[in-house]
Amino acid sequence: MNPPHQIMTTETEDLASAGFTQMIDYLENLLIRQLEKLRKYDLDAAIVLAEEANTVAMALAREKVLDQPSHIEHRRRIQKLYRDISLVISTERSEVAQKLSAIRKGIKVLGMSR
């Protein structure tokens, strides 16, 4: 028979693991939603989601949850989502820079025509 403290530890670990799995799922959901908002140029909503995702990610990082072998697939998916988000942001940044350049050229042309 297992000593009572060993049973409590196992139950606590199971509860913690279930809680961490829910946190990981929630983080993935937040990142997916953030990616969708970025693709729709809804930057205000994307920022709110990013702040919330950061809070959850920091809690998971503090506990080193994604370093555990049982969460390797979650880690890969989350890393891919962060890469996708970075790619969308850098693509948008490039598009914005091009649009600003076109606007500046238009302003110069207007200034010359005066």
Protein backbone atom coordinates (compact mmCIF):
# COMPACT_ATOMS: atom_id res chain seq x y z
CA MET A 1 0.00 0.00 0.00
CA ASN A 2 1.24 3.50 -0.81
CA PRO A 3 1.93 5.92 2.01
CA PRO A 4 -0.69 8.75 2.18
CA HIS A 5 1.83 11.45 1.29
CA GLN A 6 2.78 9.59 -1.88
CA ILE A 7 -0.87 9.42 -2.96
CA MET A 8 -1.31 13.14 -2.30
CA THR A 9 1.82 13.94 -4.30
CA THR A 10 0.61 11.87 -7.25
CA GLU A 11 -2.86 13.47 -7.15
CA THR A 12 -1.33 16.92 -6.88
CA GLU A 13 0.99 16.20 -9.80
CA ASP A 14 -1.96 14.92 -11.86
CA LEU A 15 -3.98 18.04 -11.06
CA ALA A 16 -1.03 20.30 -11.85
CA SER A 17 -0.44 18.46 -15.12
CA ALA A 18 -4.12 18.79 -16.08
CA GLY A 19 -3.99 22.49 -15.21
CA PHE A 20 -0.84 22.98 -17.27
CA THR A 21 -2.40 21.16 -20.21
CA GLN A 22 -5.38 23.52 -20.04
CA MET A 23 -3.00 26.49 -19.89
CA ILE A 24 -1.11 25.20 -22.92
CA ASP A 25 -4.36 24.72 -24.85
CA TYR A 26 -5.46 28.21 -23.86
CA LEU A 27 -2.12 29.67 -25.00
CA GLU A 28 -2.44 27.91 -28.35
CA ASN A 29 -5.97 29.25 -28.71
CA LEU A 30 -4.82 32.79 -27.90
CA LEU A 31 -1.98 32.58 -30.45
CA ILE A 32 -4.30 31.26 -33.17
CA ARG A 33 -6.75 34.08 -32.50
CA GLN A 34 -3.90 36.62 -32.46
CA LEU A 35 -2.68 35.35 -35.82
CA GLU A 36 -6.19 35.68 -37.28
CA LYS A 37 -6.48 39.25 -35.98
CA LEU A 38 -3.10 40.17 -37.43
CA ARG A 39 -4.07 38.77 -40.82
CA LYS A 40 -7.22 40.93 -40.72
CA TYR A 41 -5.18 44.01 -39.67
CA ASP A 42 -7.08 44.19 -36.37
CA LEU A 43 -4.02 45.33 -34.46
CA ASP A 44 -5.83 46.51 -31.33
CA ALA A 45 -7.39 43.09 -30.77
CA ALA A 46 -4.10 41.37 -31.64
CA ILE A 47 -2.27 43.41 -29.00
CA VAL A 48 -4.81 42.50 -26.32
CA LEU A 49 -4.44 38.82 -27.22
CA ALA A 50 -0.64 39.13 -27.25
CA GLU A 51 -0.62 40.59 -23.74
CA GLU A 52 -2.81 37.78 -22.44
CA ALA A 53 -0.73 35.15 -24.27
CA ASN A 54 2.42 36.64 -22.76
CA THR A 55 1.00 36.25 -19.25
CA VAL A 56 0.14 32.59 -19.85
CA ALA A 57 3.47 31.89 -21.60
CA MET A 58 5.40 33.43 -18.70
CA ALA A 59 3.56 31.21 -16.20
CA LEU A 60 4.33 28.12 -18.27
CA ALA A 61 7.96 29.18 -18.69
CA ARG A 62 8.36 29.75 -14.96
CA GLU A 63 7.28 26.16 -14.33
CA LYS A 64 9.27 24.88 -17.35
CA VAL A 65 6.19 22.99 -18.47
CA LEU A 66 7.03 22.96 -22.17
CA ASP A 67 10.46 21.49 -21.41
CA GLN A 68 8.81 18.30 -20.17
CA PRO A 69 8.90 15.37 -22.61
CA SER A 70 5.12 14.93 -22.32
CA HIS A 71 4.58 18.40 -23.81
CA ILE A 72 7.05 18.29 -26.70
CA GLU A 73 4.32 18.31 -29.37
CA HIS A 74 2.61 21.28 -27.70
CA ARG A 75 5.94 23.09 -27.66
CA ARG A 76 6.44 22.52 -31.39
CA ARG A 77 2.97 23.82 -32.20
CA ILE A 78 3.42 26.89 -30.01
CA GLN A 79 6.83 27.64 -31.54
CA LYS A 80 5.29 27.37 -35.01
CA LEU A 81 2.50 29.77 -34.04
CA TYR A 82 5.04 32.29 -32.74
CA ARG A 83 7.03 31.95 -36.00
CA ASP A 84 3.85 32.48 -38.03
CA ILE A 85 2.98 35.55 -35.97
CA SER A 86 6.48 36.96 -36.48
CA LEU A 87 6.25 36.32 -40.21
CA VAL A 88 2.89 38.09 -40.50
CA ILE A 89 4.19 41.05 -38.50
CA SER A 90 7.34 41.40 -40.61
CA THR A 91 5.31 41.09 -43.82
CA GLU A 92 2.91 43.78 -42.62
CA ARG A 93 5.83 45.96 -41.57
CA SER A 94 7.25 45.67 -45.08
CA GLU A 95 3.87 46.51 -46.65
CA VAL A 96 3.46 49.52 -44.37
CA ALA A 97 6.98 50.73 -45.25
CA GLN A 98 6.16 50.45 -48.96
CA LYS A 99 2.90 52.33 -48.53
CA LEU A 100 4.63 55.08 -46.55
CA SER A 101 7.23 55.38 -49.27
CA ALA A 102 4.50 55.75 -51.90
CA ILE A 103 2.76 58.38 -49.76
CA ARG A 104 6.01 60.33 -49.35
CA LYS A 105 6.60 60.25 -53.10
CA GLY A 106 3.04 61.48 -53.66
CA ILE A 107 3.60 64.34 -51.21
CA LYS A 108 6.84 65.30 -52.98
CA VAL A 109 5.08 65.27 -56.36
CA LEU A 110 2.30 67.45 -54.96
CA GLY A 111 4.89 69.80 -53.47
CA MET A 112 6.68 70.11 -56.81
CA SER A 113 3.49 70.82 -58.73
CA ARG A 114 2.81 73.92 -56.63
